Amino acid sequence: MKTISRSLRLSIFLGESDIWHHRPLDAEIVSRAHRAGLADANVFRGIAGYGANLRIHTQRLLPLGGDLPLVIVIVDSAEKIRAFLSQLDDLELTAPVVLDELESIRFTDSAPAWARWSRAS
């Protein structure tokens, strides 16, 4: 069974070296999203990119790490995402923050647990 609903996707673009109070900024944002009860938050690391400073960050030039680009993607209802935005104000983000309206599809198995187990046999 699948459920389709309207959602909002929040994307926050950062670098690996972005810190807030001696903690990686991406970890702080994900932690806040979790405490806020948002449905989904993921951090993705890019292999190359550049931001406001126009300096290219790439894995190829910095084989031992460096400041690779990150994007945090959080998906939930528009109401929850918009309420969560105020929790980011004190972080003084300088990176782009993008909101996209989208349709979310959630696939669920409506069969009772005992029926799911019997099908697996």
Protein backbone atom coordinates (compact mmCIF):
# COMPACT_ATOMS: atom_id res chain seq x y z
CA MET A 1 0.00 0.00 0.00
CA LYS A 2 1.23 3.52 -0.64
CA THR A 3 0.29 6.89 0.80
CA ILE A 4 0.85 10.09 -1.19
CA SER A 5 1.01 13.44 0.59
CA ARG A 6 2.24 16.99 0.02
CA SER A 7 5.57 17.70 1.74
CA LEU A 8 8.33 20.24 1.90
CA ARG A 9 12.02 19.46 1.37
CA LEU A 10 14.57 21.60 3.18
CA SER A 11 18.08 21.48 1.70
CA ILE A 12 20.96 23.17 3.50
CA PHE A 13 24.30 23.44 1.70
CA LEU A 14 27.42 23.44 3.92
CA GLY A 15 31.06 22.47 3.96
CA GLU A 16 32.63 19.77 6.13
CA SER A 17 34.66 22.39 7.98
CA ASP A 18 31.60 24.41 9.07
CA ILE A 19 31.55 24.40 12.88
CA TRP A 20 29.12 25.70 15.49
CA HIS A 21 30.30 25.86 19.11
CA HIS A 22 33.15 23.38 18.49
CA ARG A 23 30.76 20.87 16.86
CA PRO A 24 30.27 20.06 13.16
CA LEU A 25 27.40 22.23 11.93
CA ASP A 26 25.77 19.37 10.02
CA ALA A 27 25.62 17.25 13.21
CA GLU A 28 24.03 20.14 15.12
CA ILE A 29 21.34 20.64 12.46
CA VAL A 30 20.51 16.92 12.25
CA SER A 31 20.34 16.75 16.04
CA ARG A 32 17.93 19.69 16.13
CA ALA A 33 15.79 18.10 13.39
CA HIS A 34 15.63 14.88 15.40
CA ARG A 35 14.64 16.71 18.60
CA ALA A 36 11.98 18.60 16.62
CA GLY A 37 10.48 15.25 15.57
CA LEU A 38 10.94 15.74 11.84
CA ALA A 39 10.30 12.66 9.73
CA ASP A 40 13.59 12.43 7.85
CA ALA A 41 17.03 14.08 7.83
CA ASN A 42 20.09 12.96 5.88
CA VAL A 43 23.55 14.40 5.19
CA PHE A 44 25.18 13.79 1.82
CA ARG A 45 28.85 14.45 1.04
CA GLY A 46 29.77 15.73 -2.39
CA ILE A 47 32.95 14.96 -4.28
CA ALA A 48 33.30 18.52 -5.59
CA GLY A 49 31.62 21.90 -5.34
CA TYR A 50 31.98 25.55 -4.42
CA GLY A 51 30.01 28.02 -2.38
CA ALA A 52 29.80 31.73 -1.68
CA ASN A 53 33.59 32.13 -1.53
CA LEU A 54 33.87 30.62 -5.06
CA ARG A 55 36.75 28.36 -3.91
CA ILE A 56 36.41 24.89 -5.42
CA HIS A 57 36.46 22.06 -2.90
CA THR A 58 37.21 18.66 -4.32
CA GLN A 59 38.22 15.24 -3.11
CA ARG A 60 40.64 14.95 -6.01
CA LEU A 61 42.81 17.86 -4.86
CA LEU A 62 42.63 16.99 -1.16
CA PRO A 63 43.08 13.22 -0.93
CA LEU A 64 43.28 13.22 2.88
CA GLY A 65 40.07 15.13 3.43
CA GLY A 66 39.47 18.81 3.59
CA ASP A 67 36.38 20.89 3.21
CA LEU A 68 34.16 18.76 0.99
CA PRO A 69 30.65 20.02 0.26
CA LEU A 70 27.71 18.68 2.28
CA VAL A 71 23.99 18.95 1.79
CA ILE A 72 21.48 18.24 4.54
CA VAL A 73 18.09 17.14 3.23
CA ILE A 74 15.08 17.16 5.56
CA VAL A 75 11.57 16.16 4.43
CA ASP A 76 8.32 16.59 6.36
CA SER A 77 5.04 18.49 6.22
CA ALA A 78 5.21 22.16 5.27
CA GLU A 79 4.02 23.18 8.74
CA LYS A 80 6.75 21.22 10.54
CA ILE A 81 9.53 22.36 8.19
CA ARG A 82 8.52 26.04 8.41
CA ALA A 83 8.35 25.82 12.21
CA PHE A 84 11.80 24.19 12.25
CA LEU A 85 13.39 27.03 10.27
CA SER A 86 13.22 29.32 13.31
CA GLN A 87 15.40 26.80 15.20
CA LEU A 88 18.22 27.54 12.76
CA ASP A 89 18.31 31.32 13.30
CA ASP A 90 21.04 31.28 15.96
CA LEU A 91 23.36 29.25 13.69
CA GLU A 92 23.93 32.32 11.48
CA LEU A 93 23.96 30.23 8.31
CA THR A 94 25.70 31.83 5.35
CA ALA A 95 25.13 28.83 3.09
CA PRO A 96 22.17 28.51 0.73
CA VAL A 97 18.97 27.10 2.23
CA VAL A 98 16.40 25.83 -0.29
CA LEU A 99 12.74 24.84 0.15
CA ASP A 100 10.99 22.66 -2.44
CA GLU A 101 7.35 21.60 -2.48
CA LEU A 102 6.97 17.96 -3.43
CA GLU A 103 4.82 14.88 -3.24
CA SER A 104 5.98 12.22 -0.81
CA ILE A 105 5.15 8.60 -1.40
CA ARG A 106 5.33 6.29 1.61
CA PHE A 107 5.16 2.58 0.90
CA THR A 108 3.74 0.49 3.72
CA ASP A 109 2.80 -3.13 4.10
CA SER A 110 -0.77 -3.24 5.37
CA ALA A 111 -0.70 -6.98 6.09
CA PRO A 112 -0.53 -8.06 9.74
CA ALA A 113 2.89 -9.11 11.04
CA TRP A 114 2.01 -12.82 11.11
CA ALA A 115 1.05 -12.67 7.41
CA ARG A 116 4.32 -10.96 6.44
CA TRP A 117 6.32 -13.69 8.15
CA SER A 118 4.38 -16.46 6.47
CA ARG A 119 5.01 -14.95 3.01
CA ALA A 120 8.76 -14.88 3.64
CA SER A 121 8.87 -18.65 4.17
